[in-house]
């Protein structure tokens, strides 16, 4: 049940924290209480005029617009695109070229004066879905984001897997097309290079939201292939999937993914693995970032 830290279960009058989500297309921030309720929020595009400091200045302005200083806060939780070094000391989001080795945790700690806890944004979403979403009460599952990029977080035995540098769960870089497209990570045929919003736009010449039925089904099949591989490897039977591409593509995407999982996950323990839409919707990134903060404080967020 524990996330690996000690402390009581989040809830009741546990205080409030600052939650920040940093993605390839937008920055978001909010005030989140110990029950997962978002009390205030704001967002702005991820721009920064190509400079690391300019992007951080945009983040600082977003926080000032939120008037976070007027609220008693216990910590700051952050979900950010990866990869990163342990604890988010240095982040290098694949989809944010301006930040390579950027000292995110220290910069935010200096700005806010709060304890700051940083984790991968997809791991944050997985935590949030286990805390308040589609995976509540489930001890073994993978959480995924299929959006501008593709990321994931894995929960086994009720604990989030971190890995040596905090980057465990990067399902977006499983190879699903060995002779496929070059990926921004330097590899080839990664799920992110074939099924992310960025990839779909590059392949079709149109925004992902305008994708044809064939593209939506292909994207679902590739995601299902990756999920089946994870289920076979890690003995889990649930994938909770969020993100603008997955949720925007809707039923055809999820049906194609489930059909592929059913074909590929054939070991007895993996049969019946299910894909489920994330339940938190637009709240997911901030609830997930808050879960990172509560986990950092030693509060339990997974059952």
C-alpha atoms as a PDB file:
ATOM      1  CA  UNK A   1       0.000   0.000   0.000  1.00  0.00           C
ATOM      2  CA  UNK A   2       2.867   2.345   0.625  1.00  0.00           C
ATOM      3  CA  UNK A   3       4.618   4.361  -2.053  1.00  0.00           C
ATOM      4  CA  UNK A   4       7.876   3.548  -0.364  1.00  0.00           C
ATOM      5  CA  UNK A   5       7.793   6.517   2.006  1.00  0.00           C
ATOM      6  CA  UNK A   6       6.432   6.505   5.517  1.00  0.00           C
ATOM      7  CA  UNK A   7       3.527   8.526   6.806  1.00  0.00           C
ATOM      8  CA  UNK A   8      -0.265   8.512   6.934  1.00  0.00           C
ATOM      9  CA  UNK A   9      -2.774   8.296   4.133  1.00  0.00           C
ATOM     10  CA  UNK A  10      -3.516  11.637   2.458  1.00  0.00           C
ATOM     11  CA  UNK A  11      -6.922  13.067   3.295  1.00  0.00           C
ATOM     12  CA  UNK A  12      -8.820  15.050   5.868  1.00  0.00           C
ATOM     13  CA  UNK A  13      -7.295  18.338   6.941  1.00  0.00           C
ATOM     14  CA  UNK A  14      -3.859  17.565   5.517  1.00  0.00           C
ATOM     15  CA  UNK A  15      -3.131  21.025   4.146  1.00  0.00           C
ATOM     16  CA  UNK A  16      -2.684  22.339   0.628  1.00  0.00           C
ATOM     17  CA  UNK A  17       0.158  22.285  -1.821  1.00  0.00           C
ATOM     18  CA  UNK A  18       1.261  23.906  -5.039  1.00  0.00           C
ATOM     19  CA  UNK A  19       0.944  21.562  -8.032  1.00  0.00           C
ATOM     20  CA  UNK A  20       2.778  22.217 -11.316  1.00  0.00           C
ATOM     21  CA  UNK A  21       2.562  20.365 -14.617  1.00  0.00           C
ATOM     22  CA  UNK A  22       5.188  21.058 -17.289  1.00  0.00           C
ATOM     23  CA  UNK A  23       4.430  19.692 -20.737  1.00  0.00           C
ATOM     24  CA  UNK A  24       5.523  20.196 -24.307  1.00  0.00           C
ATOM     25  CA  UNK A  25       2.545  22.396 -25.186  1.00  0.00           C
ATOM     26  CA  UNK A  26       1.457  23.992 -21.911  1.00  0.00           C
ATOM     27  CA  UNK A  27       2.462  24.899 -18.379  1.00  0.00           C
ATOM     28  CA  UNK A  28      -0.204  24.464 -15.699  1.00  0.00           C
ATOM     29  CA  UNK A  29      -0.301  25.177 -11.977  1.00  0.00           C
ATOM     30  CA  UNK A  30      -2.867  24.875  -9.229  1.00  0.00           C
ATOM     31  CA  UNK A  31      -3.559  24.741  -5.518  1.00  0.00           C
ATOM     32  CA  UNK A  32      -4.606  21.208  -4.513  1.00  0.00           C
ATOM     33  CA  UNK A  33      -5.828  20.030  -1.134  1.00  0.00           C
ATOM     34  CA  UNK A  34      -5.254  16.708   0.599  1.00  0.00           C
ATOM     35  CA  UNK A  35      -8.458  15.266  -0.878  1.00  0.00           C
ATOM     36  CA  UNK A  36      -7.305  15.896  -4.436  1.00  0.00           C
ATOM     37  CA  UNK A  37      -9.593  18.880  -5.016  1.00  0.00           C
ATOM     38  CA  UNK A  38      -8.179  21.652  -7.213  1.00  0.00           C
ATOM     39  CA  UNK A  39      -8.967  24.932  -5.482  1.00  0.00           C
ATOM     40  CA  UNK A  40      -7.433  27.285  -8.053  1.00  0.00           C
ATOM     41  CA  UNK A  41      -5.591  26.829 -11.345  1.00  0.00           C
ATOM     42  CA  UNK A  42      -4.047  28.531 -14.335  1.00  0.00           C
ATOM     43  CA  UNK A  43      -2.117  27.667 -17.483  1.00  0.00           C
ATOM     44  CA  UNK A  44      -0.193  29.185 -20.360  1.00  0.00           C
ATOM     45  CA  UNK A  45       1.503  27.870 -23.522  1.00  0.00           C
ATOM     46  CA  UNK A  46       4.995  26.394 -23.313  1.00  0.00           C
ATOM     47  CA  UNK A  47       6.985  29.029 -25.195  1.00  0.00           C
ATOM     48  CA  UNK A  48       9.934  30.740 -23.518  1.00  0.00           C
ATOM     49  CA  UNK A  49      11.223  32.214 -26.785  1.00  0.00           C
ATOM     50  CA  UNK A  50      13.783  29.418 -27.066  1.00  0.00           C
ATOM     51  CA  UNK A  51      15.622  30.254 -23.831  1.00  0.00           C
ATOM     52  CA  UNK A  52      15.751  28.129 -20.677  1.00  0.00           C
ATOM     53  CA  UNK A  53      15.515  31.199 -18.458  1.00  0.00           C
ATOM     54  CA  UNK A  54      12.694  32.688 -20.522  1.00  0.00           C
ATOM     55  CA  UNK A  55      10.663  29.511 -20.107  1.00  0.00           C
ATOM     56  CA  UNK A  56      11.263  29.544 -16.362  1.00  0.00           C
ATOM     57  CA  UNK A  57      10.208  33.211 -16.328  1.00  0.00           C
ATOM     58  CA  UNK A  58       6.931  32.123 -17.966  1.00  0.00           C
ATOM     59  CA  UNK A  59       6.488  29.552 -15.203  1.00  0.00           C
ATOM     60  CA  UNK A  60       7.229  32.177 -12.559  1.00  0.00           C
ATOM     61  CA  UNK A  61       4.617  34.487 -14.078  1.00  0.00           C
ATOM     62  CA  UNK A  62       2.073  31.689 -14.127  1.00  0.00           C
ATOM     63  CA  UNK A  63       2.600  31.163 -10.409  1.00  0.00           C
ATOM     64  CA  UNK A  64       2.308  34.893  -9.698  1.00  0.00           C
ATOM     65  CA  UNK A  65      -0.967  35.011 -11.636  1.00  0.00           C
ATOM     66  CA  UNK A  66      -2.184  32.190  -9.406  1.00  0.00           C
ATOM     67  CA  UNK A  67      -1.535  34.300  -6.285  1.00  0.00           C
ATOM     68  CA  UNK A  68      -0.050  31.262  -4.600  1.00  0.00           C
ATOM     69  CA  UNK A  69       1.743  33.343  -1.969  1.00  0.00           C
ATOM     70  CA  UNK A  70      -1.581  34.209  -0.337  1.00  0.00           C
ATOM     71  CA  UNK A  71      -2.299  30.553   0.525  1.00  0.00           C
ATOM     72  CA  UNK A  72      -0.572  28.556   3.318  1.00  0.00           C
ATOM     73  CA  UNK A  73       1.163  25.695   1.496  1.00  0.00           C
ATOM     74  CA  UNK A  74       3.053  22.661   2.759  1.00  0.00           C
ATOM     75  CA  UNK A  75       5.031  21.748  -0.383  1.00  0.00           C
ATOM     76  CA  UNK A  76       5.259  21.906  -4.165  1.00  0.00           C
ATOM     77  CA  UNK A  77       4.692  18.835  -6.351  1.00  0.00           C
ATOM     78  CA  UNK A  78       5.774  18.849  -9.994  1.00  0.00           C
ATOM     79  CA  UNK A  79       5.148  16.602 -12.979  1.00  0.00           C
ATOM     80  CA  UNK A  80       7.572  17.288 -15.828  1.00  0.00           C
ATOM     81  CA  UNK A  81       8.447  15.596 -19.087  1.00  0.00           C
ATOM     82  CA  UNK A  82      11.576  13.475 -18.943  1.00  0.00           C
ATOM     83  CA  UNK A  83      14.153  12.140 -18.877  1.00  0.00           C
ATOM     84  CA  UNK A  84      15.593  13.598 -15.691  1.00  0.00           C
ATOM     85  CA  UNK A  85      18.103  12.856 -12.972  1.00  0.00           C
ATOM     86  CA  UNK A  86      16.929  11.547  -9.609  1.00  0.00           C
ATOM     87  CA  UNK A  87      14.523  13.859  -7.820  1.00  0.00           C
ATOM     88  CA  UNK A  88      14.237  16.147 -10.845  1.00  0.00           C
ATOM     89  CA  UNK A  89      17.488  17.870  -9.980  1.00  0.00           C
ATOM     90  CA  UNK A  90      18.152  18.179 -13.707  1.00  0.00           C
ATOM     91  CA  UNK A  91      15.425  17.777 -16.303  1.00  0.00           C
ATOM     92  CA  UNK A  92      15.817  17.340 -20.069  1.00  0.00           C
ATOM     93  CA  UNK A  93      12.287  16.959 -21.493  1.00  0.00           C
ATOM     94  CA  UNK A  94      12.418  15.491 -24.997  1.00  0.00           C
ATOM     95  CA  UNK A  95       9.724  17.932 -26.161  1.00  0.00           C
ATOM     96  CA  UNK A  96      11.218  21.057 -24.540  1.00  0.00           C
ATOM     97  CA  UNK A  97      14.453  21.734 -26.365  1.00  0.00           C
ATOM     98  CA  UNK A  98      15.311  24.777 -24.203  1.00  0.00           C
ATOM     99  CA  UNK A  99      15.665  22.656 -21.077  1.00  0.00           C
ATOM    100  CA  UNK A 100      18.652  20.329 -21.237  1.00  0.00           C
ATOM    101  CA  UNK A 101      20.085  19.571 -17.815  1.00  0.00           C
ATOM    102  CA  UNK A 102      17.879  22.325 -16.368  1.00  0.00           C
ATOM    103  CA  UNK A 103      18.025  22.574 -12.537  1.00  0.00           C
ATOM    104  CA  UNK A 104      14.263  22.553 -12.072  1.00  0.00           C
ATOM    105  CA  UNK A 105      13.909  21.418  -8.468  1.00  0.00           C
ATOM    106  CA  UNK A 106      16.493  23.841  -7.074  1.00  0.00           C
ATOM    107  CA  UNK A 107      15.138  26.761  -9.107  1.00  0.00           C
ATOM    108  CA  UNK A 108      11.593  26.141  -7.883  1.00  0.00           C
ATOM    109  CA  UNK A 109      12.756  25.686  -4.296  1.00  0.00           C
ATOM    110  CA  UNK A 110      14.555  29.027  -4.493  1.00  0.00           C
ATOM    111  CA  UNK A 111      11.492  30.697  -6.016  1.00  0.00           C
ATOM    112  CA  UNK A 112       8.851  29.289  -3.673  1.00  0.00           C
ATOM    113  CA  UNK A 113      10.708  28.614  -0.435  1.00  0.00           C
ATOM    114  CA  UNK A 114       8.807  25.308  -0.242  1.00  0.00           C
ATOM    115  CA  UNK A 115       9.934  21.688  -0.195  1.00  0.00           C
ATOM    116  CA  UNK A 116       9.812  20.756  -3.907  1.00  0.00           C
ATOM    117  CA  UNK A 117       9.322  17.240  -5.256  1.00  0.00           C
ATOM    118  CA  UNK A 118       9.697  16.586  -8.993  1.00  0.00           C
ATOM    119  CA  UNK A 119       8.836  13.468 -10.983  1.00  0.00           C
ATOM    120  CA  UNK A 120       8.099  12.464 -14.550  1.00  0.00           C
ATOM    121  CA  UNK A 121       4.712  13.797 -15.673  1.00  0.00           C
ATOM    122  CA  UNK A 122       3.454  10.385 -16.778  1.00  0.00           C
ATOM    123  CA  UNK A 123       4.475   8.847 -13.454  1.00  0.00           C
ATOM    124  CA  UNK A 124       2.638  11.708 -11.800  1.00  0.00           C
ATOM    125  CA  UNK A 125      -0.483  10.919 -13.786  1.00  0.00           C
ATOM    126  CA  UNK A 126      -0.197   7.243 -12.833  1.00  0.00           C
ATOM    127  CA  UNK A 127       0.006   8.240  -9.172  1.00  0.00           C
ATOM    128  CA  UNK A 128      -3.006  10.521  -9.547  1.00  0.00           C
ATOM    129  CA  UNK A 129      -5.114   7.814 -11.181  1.00  0.00           C
ATOM    130  CA  UNK A 130      -4.203   5.412  -8.379  1.00  0.00           C
ATOM    131  CA  UNK A 131      -5.057   8.049  -5.772  1.00  0.00           C
ATOM    132  CA  UNK A 132      -8.297   9.473  -7.146  1.00  0.00           C
ATOM    133  CA  UNK A 133      -8.923   8.012 -10.612  1.00  0.00           C
ATOM    134  CA  UNK A 134      -9.437   4.854 -12.639  1.00  0.00           C
ATOM    135  CA  UNK A 135      -6.898   2.732 -10.729  1.00  0.00           C
ATOM    136  CA  UNK A 136      -8.112   3.352  -7.170  1.00  0.00           C
ATOM    137  CA  UNK A 137      -7.674   0.152  -5.172  1.00  0.00           C
ATOM    138  CA  UNK A 138      -5.531  -1.520  -7.877  1.00  0.00           C
ATOM    139  CA  UNK A 139      -2.046  -2.532  -6.749  1.00  0.00           C
ATOM    140  CA  UNK A 140      -0.551  -3.401 -10.166  1.00  0.00           C
ATOM    141  CA  UNK A 141      -1.068  -1.250 -13.268  1.00  0.00           C
ATOM    142  CA  UNK A 142       0.583   0.954 -15.872  1.00  0.00           C
ATOM    143  CA  UNK A 143      -0.503   4.548 -16.350  1.00  0.00           C
ATOM    144  CA  UNK A 144       0.105   6.167 -19.732  1.00  0.00           C
ATOM    145  CA  UNK A 145      -0.136   9.554 -21.390  1.00  0.00           C
ATOM    146  CA  UNK A 146      -0.577   9.611 -25.178  1.00  0.00           C
ATOM    147  CA  UNK A 147      -0.410  13.271 -26.083  1.00  0.00           C
ATOM    148  CA  UNK A 148       2.306  15.532 -27.542  1.00  0.00           C
ATOM    149  CA  UNK A 149       4.640  12.731 -26.466  1.00  0.00           C
ATOM    150  CA  UNK A 150       4.065   9.306 -24.915  1.00  0.00           C
ATOM    151  CA  UNK A 151       5.010   8.522 -21.330  1.00  0.00           C
ATOM    152  CA  UNK A 152       4.190   6.068 -18.593  1.00  0.00           C
ATOM    153  CA  UNK A 153       4.431   5.134 -14.958  1.00  0.00           C
ATOM    154  CA  UNK A 154       4.292   1.640 -13.469  1.00  0.00           C
ATOM    155  CA  UNK A 155       2.820   0.622 -10.122  1.00  0.00           C
ATOM    156  CA  UNK A 156       3.664  -2.847  -8.807  1.00  0.00           C
ATOM    157  CA  UNK A 157       2.680  -4.244  -5.419  1.00  0.00           C
ATOM    158  CA  UNK A 158       1.143  -0.862  -4.592  1.00  0.00           C
ATOM    159  CA  UNK A 159       4.381   1.063  -5.141  1.00  0.00           C
ATOM    160  CA  UNK A 160       5.493   3.338  -7.930  1.00  0.00           C
ATOM    161  CA  UNK A 161       8.599   2.071  -9.714  1.00  0.00           C
ATOM    162  CA  UNK A 162      11.288   4.748  -9.850  1.00  0.00           C
ATOM    163  CA  UNK A 163      14.446   3.211 -11.283  1.00  0.00           C
ATOM    164  CA  UNK A 164      18.012   4.352 -10.665  1.00  0.00           C
ATOM    165  CA  UNK A 165      17.425   7.930 -11.885  1.00  0.00           C
ATOM    166  CA  UNK A 166      13.641   8.104 -11.486  1.00  0.00           C
ATOM    167  CA  UNK A 167      12.924   7.303 -15.142  1.00  0.00           C
ATOM    168  CA  UNK A 168      11.248   3.887 -14.866  1.00  0.00           C
ATOM    169  CA  UNK A 169       8.133   3.465 -16.978  1.00  0.00           C
ATOM    170  CA  UNK A 170       9.216   5.217 -20.199  1.00  0.00           C
ATOM    171  CA  UNK A 171       6.806   3.154 -22.290  1.00  0.00           C
ATOM    172  CA  UNK A 172       6.991   5.758 -25.051  1.00  0.00           C
ATOM    173  CA  UNK A 173      10.410   4.407 -25.925  1.00  0.00           C
ATOM    174  CA  UNK A 174       9.467   0.783 -26.313  1.00  0.00           C
ATOM    175  CA  UNK A 175      10.180  -0.162 -29.924  1.00  0.00           C
ATOM    176  CA  UNK A 176       6.910  -0.987 -31.700  1.00  0.00           C
ATOM    177  CA  UNK A 177       8.110  -0.582 -35.318  1.00  0.00           C
ATOM    178  CA  UNK A 178      11.714  -1.809 -35.732  1.00  0.00           C
ATOM    179  CA  UNK A 179      11.995  -0.205 -39.178  1.00  0.00           C
ATOM    180  CA  UNK A 180       9.961   2.820 -38.200  1.00  0.00           C
ATOM    181  CA  UNK A 181      10.592   6.523 -37.854  1.00  0.00           C
ATOM    182  CA  UNK A 182      13.559   8.128 -36.136  1.00  0.00           C
ATOM    183  CA  UNK A 183      12.707   9.213 -32.597  1.00  0.00           C
ATOM    184  CA  UNK A 184      13.754  12.406 -30.837  1.00  0.00           C
ATOM    185  CA  UNK A 185      15.440  10.197 -28.212  1.00  0.00           C
ATOM    186  CA  UNK A 186      17.950   9.029 -30.828  1.00  0.00           C
ATOM    187  CA  UNK A 187      16.362   5.628 -31.325  1.00  0.00           C
ATOM    188  CA  UNK A 188      14.120   4.348 -34.075  1.00  0.00           C
ATOM    189  CA  UNK A 189      10.600   2.971 -34.157  1.00  0.00           C
ATOM    190  CA  UNK A 190       9.714   4.026 -30.594  1.00  0.00           C
ATOM    191  CA  UNK A 191       6.036   4.246 -29.667  1.00  0.00           C
ATOM    192  CA  UNK A 192       6.480   8.005 -29.253  1.00  0.00           C
ATOM    193  CA  UNK A 193       7.894   8.280 -32.786  1.00  0.00           C
ATOM    194  CA  UNK A 194       4.865   6.477 -34.207  1.00  0.00           C
ATOM    195  CA  UNK A 195       1.864   7.268 -32.013  1.00  0.00           C
ATOM    196  CA  UNK A 196       2.348  10.655 -30.305  1.00  0.00           C
ATOM    197  CA  UNK A 197       0.540  13.781 -31.433  1.00  0.00           C
ATOM    198  CA  UNK A 198       3.837  15.148 -32.722  1.00  0.00           C
ATOM    199  CA  UNK A 199       4.483  11.995 -34.745  1.00  0.00           C
ATOM    200  CA  UNK A 200       0.964  11.837 -36.154  1.00  0.00           C
ATOM    201  CA  UNK A 201       1.231  15.441 -37.348  1.00  0.00           C
ATOM    202  CA  UNK A 202       4.585  14.702 -38.996  1.00  0.00           C
ATOM    203  CA  UNK A 203       3.301  11.527 -40.671  1.00  0.00           C
ATOM    204  CA  UNK A 204      -0.018  12.913 -41.911  1.00  0.00           C
ATOM    205  CA  UNK A 205       0.729  16.607 -42.340  1.00  0.00           C
ATOM    206  CA  UNK A 206      -2.302  17.447 -40.185  1.00  0.00           C
ATOM    207  CA  UNK A 207      -2.885  17.998 -36.468  1.00  0.00           C
ATOM    208  CA  UNK A 208      -3.654  14.814 -34.571  1.00  0.00           C
ATOM    209  CA  UNK A 209      -7.197  16.000 -33.869  1.00  0.00           C
ATOM    210  CA  UNK A 210      -7.857  15.802 -37.632  1.00  0.00           C
ATOM    211  CA  UNK A 211      -6.531  12.252 -37.979  1.00  0.00           C
ATOM    212  CA  UNK A 212      -8.419   9.794 -40.145  1.00  0.00           C
ATOM    213  CA  UNK A 213     -10.161   6.691 -38.803  1.00  0.00           C
ATOM    214  CA  UNK A 214      -7.287   4.588 -40.135  1.00  0.00           C
ATOM    215  CA  UNK A 215      -4.697   6.638 -38.221  1.00  0.00           C
ATOM    216  CA  UNK A 216      -6.760   6.488 -35.029  1.00  0.00           C
ATOM    217  CA  UNK A 217      -6.979   2.721 -35.250  1.00  0.00           C
ATOM    218  CA  UNK A 218      -3.286   2.329 -36.085  1.00  0.00           C
ATOM    219  CA  UNK A 219      -2.374   4.484 -33.088  1.00  0.00           C
ATOM    220  CA  UNK A 220      -4.552   2.309 -30.870  1.00  0.00           C
ATOM    221  CA  UNK A 221      -2.953  -0.865 -32.179  1.00  0.00           C
ATOM    222  CA  UNK A 222       0.553   0.419 -31.481  1.00  0.00           C
ATOM    223  CA  UNK A 223      -0.375   1.466 -27.958  1.00  0.00           C
ATOM    224  CA  UNK A 224      -1.991  -1.937 -27.418  1.00  0.00           C
ATOM    225  CA  UNK A 225       1.198  -3.639 -28.609  1.00  0.00           C
ATOM    226  CA  UNK A 226       3.240  -1.714 -26.034  1.00  0.00           C
ATOM    227  CA  UNK A 227       0.772  -2.439 -23.241  1.00  0.00           C
ATOM    228  CA  UNK A 228       0.775  -6.157 -24.041  1.00  0.00           C
ATOM    229  CA  UNK A 229       4.568  -6.186 -23.809  1.00  0.00           C
ATOM    230  CA  UNK A 230       4.440  -4.529 -20.397  1.00  0.00           C
ATOM    231  CA  UNK A 231       1.731  -6.912 -19.183  1.00  0.00           C
ATOM    232  CA  UNK A 232       3.755  -9.923 -20.282  1.00  0.00           C
ATOM    233  CA  UNK A 233       6.900  -8.564 -18.656  1.00  0.00           C
ATOM    234  CA  UNK A 234       5.523  -7.311 -15.359  1.00  0.00           C
ATOM    235  CA  UNK A 235       2.483  -9.471 -14.552  1.00  0.00           C
ATOM    236  CA  UNK A 236      -0.090  -6.676 -14.448  1.00  0.00           C
ATOM    237  CA  UNK A 237      -3.574  -6.558 -15.969  1.00  0.00           C
ATOM    238  CA  UNK A 238      -4.580  -2.909 -16.220  1.00  0.00           C
ATOM    239  CA  UNK A 239      -3.473   0.064 -18.296  1.00  0.00           C
ATOM    240  CA  UNK A 240      -4.992   3.465 -17.549  1.00  0.00           C
ATOM    241  CA  UNK A 241      -4.473   5.826 -20.474  1.00  0.00           C
ATOM    242  CA  UNK A 242      -4.820   9.608 -20.620  1.00  0.00           C
ATOM    243  CA  UNK A 243      -3.674  12.369 -22.955  1.00  0.00           C
ATOM    244  CA  UNK A 244      -5.188  14.465 -25.710  1.00  0.00           C
ATOM    245  CA  UNK A 245      -4.507  11.897 -28.437  1.00  0.00           C
ATOM    246  CA  UNK A 246      -5.887   8.853 -26.585  1.00  0.00           C
ATOM    247  CA  UNK A 247      -8.927  10.577 -25.105  1.00  0.00           C
ATOM    248  CA  UNK A 248      -9.492  12.664 -28.229  1.00  0.00           C
ATOM    249  CA  UNK A 249      -9.461   9.590 -30.482  1.00  0.00           C
ATOM    250  CA  UNK A 250     -11.951   7.964 -28.136  1.00  0.00           C
ATOM    251  CA  UNK A 251     -13.676   4.632 -28.625  1.00  0.00           C
ATOM    252  CA  UNK A 252     -12.003   3.615 -31.934  1.00  0.00           C
ATOM    253  CA  UNK A 253      -8.583   4.082 -30.335  1.00  0.00           C
ATOM    254  CA  UNK A 254      -9.447   2.123 -27.194  1.00  0.00           C
ATOM    255  CA  UNK A 255     -11.172  -0.657 -29.146  1.00  0.00           C
ATOM    256  CA  UNK A 256      -8.154  -1.083 -31.449  1.00  0.00           C
ATOM    257  CA  UNK A 257      -5.794  -1.085 -28.457  1.00  0.00           C
ATOM    258  CA  UNK A 258      -7.849  -3.679 -26.596  1.00  0.00           C
ATOM    259  CA  UNK A 259      -7.996  -5.939 -29.656  1.00  0.00           C
ATOM    260  CA  UNK A 260      -4.205  -5.780 -29.990  1.00  0.00           C
ATOM    261  CA  UNK A 261      -3.711  -6.520 -26.294  1.00  0.00           C
ATOM    262  CA  UNK A 262      -6.005  -9.543 -26.587  1.00  0.00           C
ATOM    263  CA  UNK A 263      -3.889 -10.912 -29.448  1.00  0.00           C
ATOM    264  CA  UNK A 264      -0.499 -10.198 -27.878  1.00  0.00           C
ATOM    265  CA  UNK A 265      -0.969 -10.810 -24.135  1.00  0.00           C
ATOM    266  CA  UNK A 266      -1.451 -14.571 -24.294  1.00  0.00           C
ATOM    267  CA  UNK A 267       0.455 -15.874 -21.291  1.00  0.00           C
ATOM    268  CA  UNK A 268      -2.037 -17.170 -18.755  1.00  0.00           C
ATOM    269  CA  UNK A 269      -1.288 -14.442 -16.213  1.00  0.00           C
ATOM    270  CA  UNK A 270      -1.540 -11.691 -18.849  1.00  0.00           C
ATOM    271  CA  UNK A 271      -4.776 -12.788 -20.508  1.00  0.00           C
ATOM    272  CA  UNK A 272      -7.581 -10.356 -19.846  1.00  0.00           C
ATOM    273  CA  UNK A 273      -5.317  -7.335 -19.522  1.00  0.00           C
ATOM    274  CA  UNK A 274      -7.551  -4.303 -19.993  1.00  0.00           C
ATOM    275  CA  UNK A 275      -7.054  -0.769 -21.216  1.00  0.00           C
ATOM    276  CA  UNK A 276      -9.173   1.851 -19.495  1.00  0.00           C
ATOM    277  CA  UNK A 277      -9.514   5.607 -20.136  1.00  0.00           C
ATOM    278  CA  UNK A 278      -8.126   7.751 -17.343  1.00  0.00           C
ATOM    279  CA  UNK A 279     -10.899   9.028 -15.085  1.00  0.00           C
ATOM    280  CA  UNK A 280      -9.484  12.385 -13.976  1.00  0.00           C
ATOM    281  CA  UNK A 281      -9.708  14.051 -17.385  1.00  0.00           C
ATOM    282  CA  UNK A 282      -8.352  17.583 -17.499  1.00  0.00           C
ATOM    283  CA  UNK A 283      -7.676  17.465 -13.743  1.00  0.00           C
ATOM    284  CA  UNK A 284      -5.246  14.551 -14.109  1.00  0.00           C
ATOM    285  CA  UNK A 285      -1.961  16.431 -14.565  1.00  0.00           C
ATOM    286  CA  UNK A 286      -2.471  18.689 -11.533  1.00  0.00           C
ATOM    287  CA  UNK A 287      -3.904  15.949  -9.310  1.00  0.00           C
ATOM    288  CA  UNK A 288      -0.932  13.822 -10.354  1.00  0.00           C
ATOM    289  CA  UNK A 289       1.547  16.594  -9.578  1.00  0.00           C
ATOM    290  CA  UNK A 290      -0.116  16.968  -6.180  1.00  0.00           C
ATOM    291  CA  UNK A 291       0.266  13.225  -5.623  1.00  0.00           C
ATOM    292  CA  UNK A 292       3.998  13.617  -6.295  1.00  0.00           C
ATOM    293  CA  UNK A 293       4.120  16.279  -3.593  1.00  0.00           C
ATOM    294  CA  UNK A 294       2.176  14.244  -1.043  1.00  0.00           C
ATOM    295  CA  UNK A 295       4.320  11.209  -1.775  1.00  0.00           C
ATOM    296  CA  UNK A 296       7.449  13.319  -1.281  1.00  0.00           C
ATOM    297  CA  UNK A 297       6.139  14.379   2.119  1.00  0.00           C
ATOM    298  CA  UNK A 298       5.750  10.738   3.100  1.00  0.00           C
ATOM    299  CA  UNK A 299       1.966  10.566   2.698  1.00  0.00           C
ATOM    300  CA  UNK A 300       0.490   7.440   1.121  1.00  0.00           C
ATOM    301  CA  UNK A 301      -1.452   7.983  -2.083  1.00  0.00           C
ATOM    302  CA  UNK A 302      -1.717   4.410  -3.384  1.00  0.00           C
ATOM    303  CA  UNK A 303      -3.937   1.667  -1.970  1.00  0.00           C
END
